[in-house]
Amino acid sequence: MSAASLESVAAAMVAAGKGILAADESSGTIKKRFEKIGLESTEENRRAYRELLFTTPDMAKSISGVILYDETLRQKTRDGVPFADYLARLGVVPGIKVDAGAKALAGFPNETITEGLDGLRERLAEYYGLGARFAKWRAVIDIGPGFPTSYAIAANAHALARYAGLCQEQKIVPIVEPEVLMDGAHTLERCEEVTDAVLAKVFTELHEARVRMEGMILKPNMVIAGKKCPQRASPQDVAAATVRCLKRHVPGAVPGIAFLSGGQSPAEAALHLSLMNARGPLPWQLSFSYGRALQDAALSAWGGQSANLAAGQREFARWARMNSLARDGRYQAGMESQAA
């Protein structure tokens, strides 16, 4: 794939009015989600649930790409069509999660390093053959007393850059995901300080690794106070701080920024995205790459029962539409309750 082709795929991933569905939950994560609805996490149940999402009527009007898990990329619809082929026929770009997860960073309590670089070149070549045209690698940065350290930030930024370079070599668009977690008690101001440091280092490493900015997508956290912080920032403050931080560090050559929801409620994630897009012209597309924020209502409505498939699809479609509106700055709090 030429540089121009990488750029065209990246542009399609952040097409106006659309965003990315993160359906790349690991076997362990989806097991926990299924336990909440009393469903056993068998391969067939996992396949059936993903098919519910992918076959939702008009899904492609709001969804530009889907991040798959290794197992899911190899699965098929009930009619025998590989999921990657089914999505591509809809005009939805298939992607793949390629990291091996965040592991303890030796010598640095409370900090992690994402692993999975060994053998990545060969895995990417296989995934391309299976239909994947973009990939995702998630680095995790936590905030607490004395951390994150500059070493942990640098180690994760370097791994992200090496991953991104390998992706582009193998004709795959990298989603670069440096997530500053919102699990702690930190303020919005502290989150902005850490996100500043993380993005500065990530883009330094990407440039050093000769990663083409036009052929990648950034998937960052929003700048938001930790869940345990008593000082809650307003949605307007979250939007302002996030855009301010991104403008400092993200080159205009990057075609789009697809936010993670990071534990926000579906309504919070949609409202924050909408307020950012309502702030006026920006150098890049501001989009979404949500997992739970798009899926939670659908999973509950389905409940593992085939009779509830349509109900689950309606909920998924509802939140996909709400975030499509947020892409244009048109979502307002409560709109989902009036949506069919």
Protein backbone atom coordinates (compact mmCIF):
# COMPACT_ATOMS: atom_id res chain seq x y z
CA MET A 1 0.00 0.00 0.00
CA SER A 2 1.37 3.38 -1.00
CA ALA A 3 1.59 6.38 1.30
CA ALA A 4 -1.43 7.79 -0.53
CA SER A 5 -3.37 4.60 0.23
CA LEU A 6 -2.51 4.80 3.91
CA GLU A 7 -3.73 8.38 3.87
CA SER A 8 -6.99 7.45 2.16
CA VAL A 9 -7.71 4.71 4.72
CA ALA A 10 -6.92 7.08 7.61
CA ALA A 11 -9.20 9.72 6.11
CA ALA A 12 -12.01 7.17 5.71
CA MET A 13 -11.65 6.19 9.37
CA VAL A 14 -12.48 9.75 10.46
CA ALA A 15 -15.02 10.53 7.74
CA ALA A 16 -17.45 13.33 8.59
CA GLY A 17 -20.36 12.26 10.76
CA LYS A 18 -18.85 8.86 11.56
CA GLY A 19 -16.66 7.19 14.17
CA ILE A 20 -15.04 3.90 15.12
CA LEU A 21 -16.62 1.06 17.08
CA ALA A 22 -14.14 -0.57 19.47
CA ALA A 23 -15.24 -4.22 19.50
CA ASP A 24 -11.81 -5.55 20.45
CA GLU A 25 -12.52 -6.68 23.99
CA SER A 26 -10.19 -9.48 25.05
CA SER A 27 -11.67 -12.83 26.04
CA GLY A 28 -11.24 -11.89 29.70
CA THR A 29 -12.91 -8.50 29.32
CA ILE A 30 -15.92 -9.72 27.38
CA LYS A 31 -16.34 -12.54 29.91
CA LYS A 32 -16.84 -9.89 32.60
CA ARG A 33 -19.34 -8.00 30.41
CA PHE A 34 -21.30 -11.19 29.72
CA GLU A 35 -21.34 -12.10 33.41
CA LYS A 36 -23.32 -8.92 34.08
CA ILE A 37 -26.13 -10.21 31.85
CA GLY A 38 -25.82 -13.82 33.03
CA LEU A 39 -24.38 -15.12 29.77
CA GLU A 40 -21.60 -17.70 29.42
CA SER A 41 -18.64 -16.45 27.38
CA THR A 42 -18.49 -19.16 24.73
CA GLU A 43 -16.97 -18.58 21.30
CA GLU A 44 -20.43 -18.80 19.71
CA ASN A 45 -21.93 -16.28 22.14
CA ARG A 46 -19.06 -13.89 21.45
CA ARG A 47 -19.55 -14.36 17.71
CA ALA A 48 -23.31 -13.85 17.96
CA TYR A 49 -22.92 -10.65 19.95
CA ARG A 50 -20.44 -9.16 17.48
CA GLU A 51 -22.76 -10.14 14.62
CA LEU A 52 -25.60 -8.30 16.35
CA LEU A 53 -23.50 -5.12 16.31
CA PHE A 54 -22.12 -5.46 12.78
CA THR A 55 -25.47 -6.30 11.16
CA THR A 56 -27.38 -3.44 12.78
CA PRO A 57 -29.40 -1.75 10.01
CA ASP A 58 -27.78 1.46 8.72
CA MET A 59 -24.78 0.94 11.00
CA ALA A 60 -22.47 2.25 8.26
CA LYS A 61 -24.19 5.64 8.34
CA SER A 62 -22.55 6.34 11.72
CA ILE A 63 -19.64 3.87 11.91
CA SER A 64 -16.56 4.21 9.70
CA GLY A 65 -14.41 1.45 11.17
CA VAL A 66 -14.47 -1.43 13.66
CA ILE A 67 -11.57 -2.58 15.85
CA LEU A 68 -11.65 -6.37 16.10
CA TYR A 69 -10.00 -8.86 18.43
CA ASP A 70 -7.87 -11.70 16.98
CA GLU A 71 -10.66 -14.24 17.50
CA THR A 72 -13.28 -11.94 15.99
CA LEU A 73 -11.23 -11.19 12.86
CA ARG A 74 -11.22 -14.94 12.18
CA GLN A 75 -14.97 -15.38 12.73
CA LYS A 76 -17.85 -15.27 10.23
CA THR A 77 -21.50 -14.30 10.04
CA ARG A 78 -24.14 -17.01 10.28
CA ASP A 79 -24.15 -16.97 6.47
CA GLY A 80 -20.44 -17.79 6.35
CA VAL A 81 -19.07 -14.36 5.42
CA PRO A 82 -15.86 -13.41 7.28
CA PHE A 83 -16.57 -10.40 9.50
CA ALA A 84 -13.80 -8.37 7.83
CA ASP A 85 -15.32 -8.99 4.41
CA TYR A 86 -18.83 -8.22 5.64
CA LEU A 87 -17.71 -4.89 7.09
CA ALA A 88 -15.66 -3.95 4.03
CA ARG A 89 -18.67 -4.53 1.79
CA LEU A 90 -20.58 -2.00 3.90
CA GLY A 91 -17.79 0.54 3.43
CA VAL A 92 -16.66 0.07 7.05
CA VAL A 93 -12.90 -0.33 7.53
CA PRO A 94 -11.90 -3.49 9.49
CA GLY A 95 -9.14 -3.08 12.07
CA ILE A 96 -7.34 -5.20 14.66
CA LYS A 97 -6.01 -4.83 18.21
CA VAL A 98 -2.38 -5.97 18.16
CA ASP A 99 -0.87 -5.23 21.57
CA ALA A 100 -0.44 -7.94 24.20
CA GLY A 101 -1.70 -5.82 27.09
CA ALA A 102 -0.20 -3.61 29.78
CA LYS A 103 2.18 -5.43 32.11
CA ALA A 104 3.97 -4.26 35.28
CA LEU A 105 6.95 -2.02 34.48
CA ALA A 106 9.91 -3.53 36.32
CA GLY A 107 11.24 -1.25 39.04
CA PHE A 108 8.33 1.20 38.79
CA PRO A 109 5.44 0.40 41.16
CA ASN A 110 1.97 1.43 39.91
CA GLU A 111 3.20 1.81 36.31
CA THR A 112 2.90 -0.40 33.25
CA ILE A 113 4.46 -1.00 29.85
CA THR A 114 2.44 -2.38 26.95
CA GLU A 115 3.99 -5.50 25.41
CA GLY A 116 3.59 -7.19 22.04
CA LEU A 117 6.37 -5.92 19.76
CA ASP A 118 8.01 -9.33 19.40
CA GLY A 119 6.75 -10.95 16.21
CA LEU A 120 4.53 -7.97 15.41
CA ARG A 121 5.79 -7.58 11.83
CA GLU A 122 4.70 -11.12 10.99
CA ARG A 123 1.36 -10.79 12.78
CA LEU A 124 0.60 -7.56 10.92
CA ALA A 125 1.29 -9.27 7.60
CA GLU A 126 -1.12 -12.05 8.55
CA TYR A 127 -3.78 -9.58 9.70
CA TYR A 128 -3.49 -7.68 6.42
CA GLY A 129 -4.15 -10.93 4.61
CA LEU A 130 -7.23 -11.48 6.78
CA GLY A 131 -8.60 -8.08 5.76
CA ALA A 132 -7.46 -5.68 8.49
CA ARG A 133 -6.49 -2.24 7.19
CA PHE A 134 -5.74 -0.53 10.48
CA ALA A 135 -4.45 -1.57 13.91
CA LYS A 136 -4.59 -0.38 17.50
CA TRP A 137 -2.03 -0.35 20.32
CA ARG A 138 -2.96 1.00 23.75
CA ALA A 139 -0.49 2.44 26.24
CA VAL A 140 -1.77 3.04 29.77
CA ILE A 141 -0.64 5.94 31.95
CA ASP A 142 -2.04 6.12 35.48
CA ILE A 143 -1.96 9.18 37.74
CA GLY A 144 -1.21 9.02 41.47
CA PRO A 145 1.25 10.17 44.13
CA GLY A 146 4.69 10.19 42.47
CA PHE A 147 3.55 8.85 39.11
CA PRO A 148 3.58 8.79 36.19
CA THR A 149 7.36 8.99 35.95
CA SER A 150 9.15 10.37 32.91
CA TYR A 151 10.67 6.92 32.33
CA ALA A 152 7.27 5.21 32.11
CA ILE A 153 5.98 7.87 29.73
CA ALA A 154 9.11 7.57 27.56
CA ALA A 155 9.03 3.76 27.50
CA ASN A 156 5.40 3.65 26.40
CA ALA A 157 5.87 6.43 23.84
CA HIS A 158 8.82 4.56 22.32
CA ALA A 159 6.79 1.33 22.07
CA LEU A 160 3.90 3.21 20.42
CA ALA A 161 6.29 4.67 17.84
CA ARG A 162 7.89 1.30 17.06
CA TYR A 163 4.42 -0.23 16.64
CA ALA A 164 3.28 2.62 14.38
CA GLY A 165 6.34 2.31 12.17
CA LEU A 166 5.82 -1.43 11.77
CA CYS A 167 2.16 -0.88 10.88
CA GLN A 168 2.94 1.57 8.11
CA GLU A 169 5.66 -0.72 6.78
CA GLN A 170 3.04 -3.47 6.52
CA LYS A 171 0.46 -1.22 4.76
CA ILE A 172 -1.68 -0.84 7.88
CA VAL A 173 -2.82 2.47 9.41
CA PRO A 174 -1.84 2.67 13.11
CA ILE A 175 -4.21 3.98 15.76
CA VAL A 176 -1.85 5.39 18.40
CA GLU A 177 -3.58 5.20 21.80
CA PRO A 178 -1.81 6.77 24.78
CA GLU A 179 -4.50 6.62 27.49
CA VAL A 180 -4.18 8.71 30.64
CA LEU A 181 -6.58 6.92 32.97
CA MET A 182 -9.40 8.68 34.82
CA ASP A 183 -9.41 6.18 37.70
CA GLY A 184 -7.72 8.35 40.35
CA ALA A 185 -8.50 11.38 42.48
CA HIS A 186 -6.61 13.88 40.33
CA THR A 187 -8.04 17.20 39.20
CA LEU A 188 -8.70 18.25 35.62
CA GLU A 189 -5.61 20.46 35.85
CA ARG A 190 -3.43 17.50 36.83
CA CYS A 191 -4.87 15.43 33.98
CA GLU A 192 -4.03 18.22 31.54
CA GLU A 193 -0.46 18.42 32.87
CA VAL A 194 0.08 14.68 32.43
CA THR A 195 -1.65 14.53 29.04
CA ASP A 196 0.58 17.40 27.89
CA ALA A 197 3.69 15.44 28.89
CA VAL A 198 2.45 12.22 27.30
CA LEU A 199 1.46 13.74 23.95
CA ALA A 200 4.68 15.74 23.76
CA LYS A 201 6.76 12.57 24.19
CA VAL A 202 4.57 10.44 21.91
CA PHE A 203 4.88 12.82 18.98
CA THR A 204 8.62 13.27 19.53
CA GLU A 205 9.01 9.49 19.29
CA LEU A 206 6.69 9.22 16.28
CA HIS A 207 8.78 11.80 14.42
CA GLU A 208 12.01 10.01 15.41
CA ALA A 209 10.54 6.74 14.08
CA ARG A 210 9.69 8.41 10.73
CA VAL A 211 6.00 7.69 11.12
CA ARG A 212 3.92 9.50 8.48
CA MET A 213 1.52 11.77 10.31
CA GLU A 214 -0.94 11.69 7.39
CA GLY A 215 -1.24 7.91 7.68
CA MET A 216 -2.09 7.53 11.37
CA ILE A 217 -4.93 8.26 13.79
CA LEU A 218 -4.51 9.43 17.40
CA LYS A 219 -6.78 7.87 20.05
CA PRO A 220 -6.27 9.90 23.24
CA ASN A 221 -8.13 10.38 26.48
CA MET A 222 -10.15 13.51 27.07
CA VAL A 223 -8.76 15.87 29.70
CA ILE A 224 -11.02 15.10 32.63
CA ALA A 225 -10.83 14.88 36.42
CA GLY A 226 -10.35 11.46 38.01
CA LYS A 227 -13.44 9.52 39.10
CA LYS A 228 -12.52 9.99 42.77
CA CYS A 229 -11.90 13.73 42.52
CA PRO A 230 -14.45 15.79 44.50
CA GLN A 231 -13.94 18.76 42.16
CA ARG A 232 -15.98 17.93 39.08
CA ALA A 233 -15.18 20.01 36.02
CA SER A 234 -18.04 21.21 33.83
CA PRO A 235 -18.49 19.67 30.37
CA GLN A 236 -17.45 23.02 28.90
CA ASP A 237 -14.22 22.97 30.93
CA VAL A 238 -13.45 19.43 29.78
CA ALA A 239 -13.95 20.41 26.14
CA ALA A 240 -11.83 23.56 26.47
CA ALA A 241 -8.95 21.82 28.28
CA THR A 242 -8.91 18.90 25.84
CA VAL A 243 -8.83 21.07 22.71
CA ARG A 244 -6.20 23.31 24.27
CA CYS A 245 -3.98 20.32 25.04
CA LEU A 246 -4.38 18.80 21.58
CA LYS A 247 -3.57 22.08 19.82
CA ARG A 248 -0.26 22.22 21.70
CA HIS A 249 0.97 18.84 20.54
CA VAL A 250 -0.89 17.23 17.62
CA PRO A 251 0.40 18.22 14.16
CA GLY A 252 -2.18 19.45 11.70
CA ALA A 253 -1.01 16.74 9.29
CA VAL A 254 -2.72 14.09 11.47
CA PRO A 255 -6.08 13.56 9.75
CA GLY A 256 -8.10 12.77 12.82
CA ILE A 257 -8.36 12.27 16.55
CA ALA A 258 -10.72 9.49 17.67
CA PHE A 259 -11.29 9.78 21.41
CA LEU A 260 -11.62 6.86 23.78
CA SER A 261 -14.47 7.12 26.29
CA GLY A 262 -12.30 5.93 29.17
CA GLY A 263 -15.04 5.05 31.64
CA GLN A 264 -17.29 8.03 30.97
CA SER A 265 -21.02 7.35 30.66
CA PRO A 266 -22.34 7.24 27.08
CA ALA A 267 -24.04 10.61 27.56
CA GLU A 268 -20.93 12.26 29.04
CA ALA A 269 -18.69 11.01 26.22
CA ALA A 270 -21.13 12.22 23.56
CA LEU A 271 -21.61 15.63 25.19
CA HIS A 272 -17.89 16.28 25.62
CA LEU A 273 -17.23 15.35 21.98
CA SER A 274 -20.10 17.55 20.80
CA LEU A 275 -18.88 20.57 22.76
CA MET A 276 -15.40 20.19 21.29
CA ASN A 277 -16.73 20.05 17.76
CA ALA A 278 -18.94 23.07 18.43
CA ARG A 279 -15.88 25.20 19.22
CA GLY A 280 -15.23 25.93 15.57
CA PRO A 281 -12.82 24.78 12.85
CA LEU A 282 -9.93 22.61 14.06
CA PRO A 283 -6.85 21.26 12.22
CA TRP A 284 -8.09 17.66 12.43
CA GLN A 285 -11.35 15.72 12.49
CA LEU A 286 -12.51 15.11 16.09
CA SER A 287 -14.17 11.71 16.14
CA PHE A 288 -14.84 8.81 18.51
CA SER A 289 -13.53 5.30 19.02
CA TYR A 290 -15.83 4.03 21.75
CA GLY A 291 -16.38 0.59 23.23
CA ARG A 292 -18.65 0.63 26.27
CA ALA A 293 -20.11 4.04 25.42
CA LEU A 294 -21.56 2.52 22.23
CA GLN A 295 -22.22 -1.00 23.50
CA ASP A 296 -23.47 -0.93 27.10
CA ALA A 297 -27.13 -0.20 26.32
CA ALA A 298 -27.11 -2.69 23.45
CA LEU A 299 -25.62 -5.47 25.57
CA SER A 300 -28.20 -4.92 28.33
CA ALA A 301 -31.12 -4.83 25.89
CA TRP A 302 -29.96 -8.02 24.16
CA GLY A 303 -29.26 -9.91 27.36
CA GLY A 304 -27.97 -12.92 25.42
CA GLN A 305 -31.45 -13.74 24.11
CA SER A 306 -31.98 -14.18 20.37
CA ALA A 307 -35.51 -12.81 20.77
CA ASN A 308 -33.98 -9.51 21.90
CA LEU A 309 -31.64 -9.09 18.92
CA ALA A 310 -33.66 -6.23 17.43
CA ALA A 311 -33.83 -4.46 20.80
CA GLY A 312 -30.06 -4.69 21.14
CA GLN A 313 -29.54 -3.35 17.65
CA ARG A 314 -31.89 -0.42 18.32
CA GLU A 315 -29.82 0.61 21.35
CA PHE A 316 -26.55 0.34 19.45
CA ALA A 317 -28.00 2.37 16.57
CA ARG A 318 -29.32 4.98 19.01
CA TRP A 319 -25.91 5.68 20.55
CA ALA A 320 -24.15 5.52 17.19
CA ARG A 321 -26.54 8.23 15.97
CA MET A 322 -26.00 10.35 19.07
CA ASN A 323 -22.25 10.30 18.53
CA SER A 324 -22.72 11.00 14.84
CA LEU A 325 -24.52 14.18 15.92
CA ALA A 326 -21.66 14.92 18.35
CA ARG A 327 -19.25 14.84 15.40
CA ASP A 328 -21.00 17.96 14.12
CA GLY A 329 -21.43 19.61 17.53
CA ARG A 330 -25.17 18.90 17.42
CA TYR A 331 -25.63 16.47 20.31
CA GLN A 332 -27.22 17.93 23.44
CA ALA A 333 -27.76 16.27 26.82
CA GLY A 334 -30.90 14.16 26.88
CA MET A 335 -31.35 13.84 23.11
CA GLU A 336 -31.03 10.05 23.32
CA SER A 337 -34.26 9.82 25.32
CA GLN A 338 -36.18 11.34 22.40
CA ALA A 339 -34.41 9.21 19.75
CA ALA A 340 -36.30 6.27 18.34
